[in-house]
Amino acid sequence: MTYIQPKTKTAKNSWLIFIIFIFILLAAANIFVYNRVVNLQHLIINQRQILNELRVANADLKNEIYQSLDLNNLNKVIEEWGLIKITNPDYLGV
């Protein structure tokens, strides 16, 4: 009596397992990259908000500097400190 053994599908099964493993690996990599992109987007948004706050603070400081260097304010400072305006200053010469 002859026994007929079915042809084994080990080669097809191993390729199928390999392809499934690659798809799972790619899916995990895709999730990792997506999470990194989302984190970077949140970081960029936070940095833009901080940058805008610093721009406002810089504008306020510039405004204070311009107001303190205004000619009227300098005249008040000169009067408070008792300084005298010299029309013909004598510079050091050689």
Protein backbone atom coordinates (compact mmCIF):
# COMPACT_ATOMS: atom_id res chain seq x y z
CA MET A 1 0.00 0.00 0.00
CA THR A 2 1.31 3.39 -0.95
CA TYR A 3 0.93 6.31 1.33
CA ILE A 4 0.64 9.67 -0.41
CA GLN A 5 2.03 12.46 1.67
CA PRO A 6 0.80 15.96 0.94
CA LYS A 7 3.33 18.48 -0.28
CA THR A 8 4.43 20.64 2.60
CA LYS A 9 3.94 24.35 2.34
CA THR A 10 6.79 25.39 4.58
CA ALA A 11 8.33 27.71 2.01
CA LYS A 12 5.04 29.53 1.41
CA ASN A 13 4.32 29.69 5.11
CA SER A 14 7.75 31.11 5.92
CA TRP A 15 7.36 33.82 3.24
CA LEU A 16 3.90 34.68 4.53
CA ILE A 17 5.21 34.92 8.10
CA PHE A 18 8.10 37.07 6.89
CA ILE A 19 5.76 39.44 4.99
CA ILE A 20 3.42 39.73 7.98
CA PHE A 21 6.41 40.48 10.21
CA ILE A 22 7.57 43.20 7.80
CA PHE A 23 4.09 44.77 7.76
CA ILE A 24 3.95 44.76 11.55
CA LEU A 25 7.41 46.30 11.69
CA LEU A 26 6.43 49.00 9.18
CA ALA A 27 3.23 49.74 11.11
CA ALA A 28 5.21 50.16 14.34
CA ALA A 29 7.71 52.43 12.58
CA ASN A 30 4.85 54.45 11.10
CA ILE A 31 3.30 54.94 14.56
CA PHE A 32 6.68 55.96 15.99
CA VAL A 33 7.30 58.51 13.22
CA TYR A 34 3.76 59.89 13.52
CA ASN A 35 4.20 60.40 17.28
CA ARG A 36 7.50 62.19 16.69
CA VAL A 37 5.90 64.48 14.10
CA VAL A 38 3.02 65.34 16.44
CA ASN A 39 5.44 66.05 19.30
CA LEU A 40 7.50 68.32 17.05
CA GLN A 41 4.38 70.17 15.94
CA HIS A 42 3.43 70.83 19.57
CA LEU A 43 6.98 71.95 20.31
CA ILE A 44 6.91 74.35 17.34
CA ILE A 45 3.58 75.81 18.48
CA ASN A 46 4.92 76.34 22.01
CA GLN A 47 8.12 77.94 20.70
CA ARG A 48 6.10 80.29 18.47
CA GLN A 49 4.04 81.38 21.46
CA ILE A 50 7.19 82.03 23.47
CA LEU A 51 8.66 83.93 20.52
CA ASN A 52 5.57 86.13 20.26
CA GLU A 53 5.73 86.85 24.01
CA LEU A 54 9.39 87.81 23.69
CA ARG A 55 8.62 90.06 20.72
CA VAL A 56 6.00 91.88 22.80
CA ALA A 57 8.43 92.23 25.70
CA ASN A 58 11.11 93.50 23.30
CA ALA A 59 8.70 96.05 21.86
CA ASP A 60 7.86 97.26 25.38
CA LEU A 61 11.55 97.62 26.23
CA LYS A 62 12.22 99.50 23.01
CA ASN A 63 9.31 101.80 23.80
CA GLU A 64 10.74 102.51 27.26
CA ILE A 65 14.18 103.22 25.77
CA TYR A 66 12.75 105.57 23.16
CA GLN A 67 10.70 107.38 25.79
CA SER A 68 13.69 107.76 28.09
CA LEU A 69 15.88 109.04 25.24
CA ASP A 70 13.27 111.56 24.14
CA LEU A 71 14.57 115.13 24.04
CA ASN A 72 12.02 116.36 26.58
CA ASN A 73 12.97 113.65 29.05
CA LEU A 74 16.68 114.34 28.56
CA ASN A 75 16.09 118.03 29.28
CA LYS A 76 14.32 117.05 32.53
CA VAL A 77 17.23 114.80 33.50
CA ILE A 78 19.71 117.59 32.74
CA GLU A 79 17.76 119.98 34.97
CA GLU A 80 17.47 117.40 37.77
CA TRP A 81 21.19 116.67 37.78
CA GLY A 82 22.14 120.33 37.53
CA LEU A 83 24.12 119.98 34.33
CA ILE A 84 25.08 123.01 32.25
CA LYS A 85 24.86 123.15 28.48
CA ILE A 86 28.20 124.30 26.99
CA THR A 87 27.82 125.96 23.63
CA ASN A 88 31.52 126.12 22.68
CA PRO A 89 33.28 123.14 24.23
CA ASP A 90 37.08 123.06 24.35
CA TYR A 91 38.21 119.72 23.07
CA LEU A 92 41.63 118.26 23.69
CA GLY A 93 43.96 119.13 20.89
CA VAL A 94 47.43 118.27 19.78
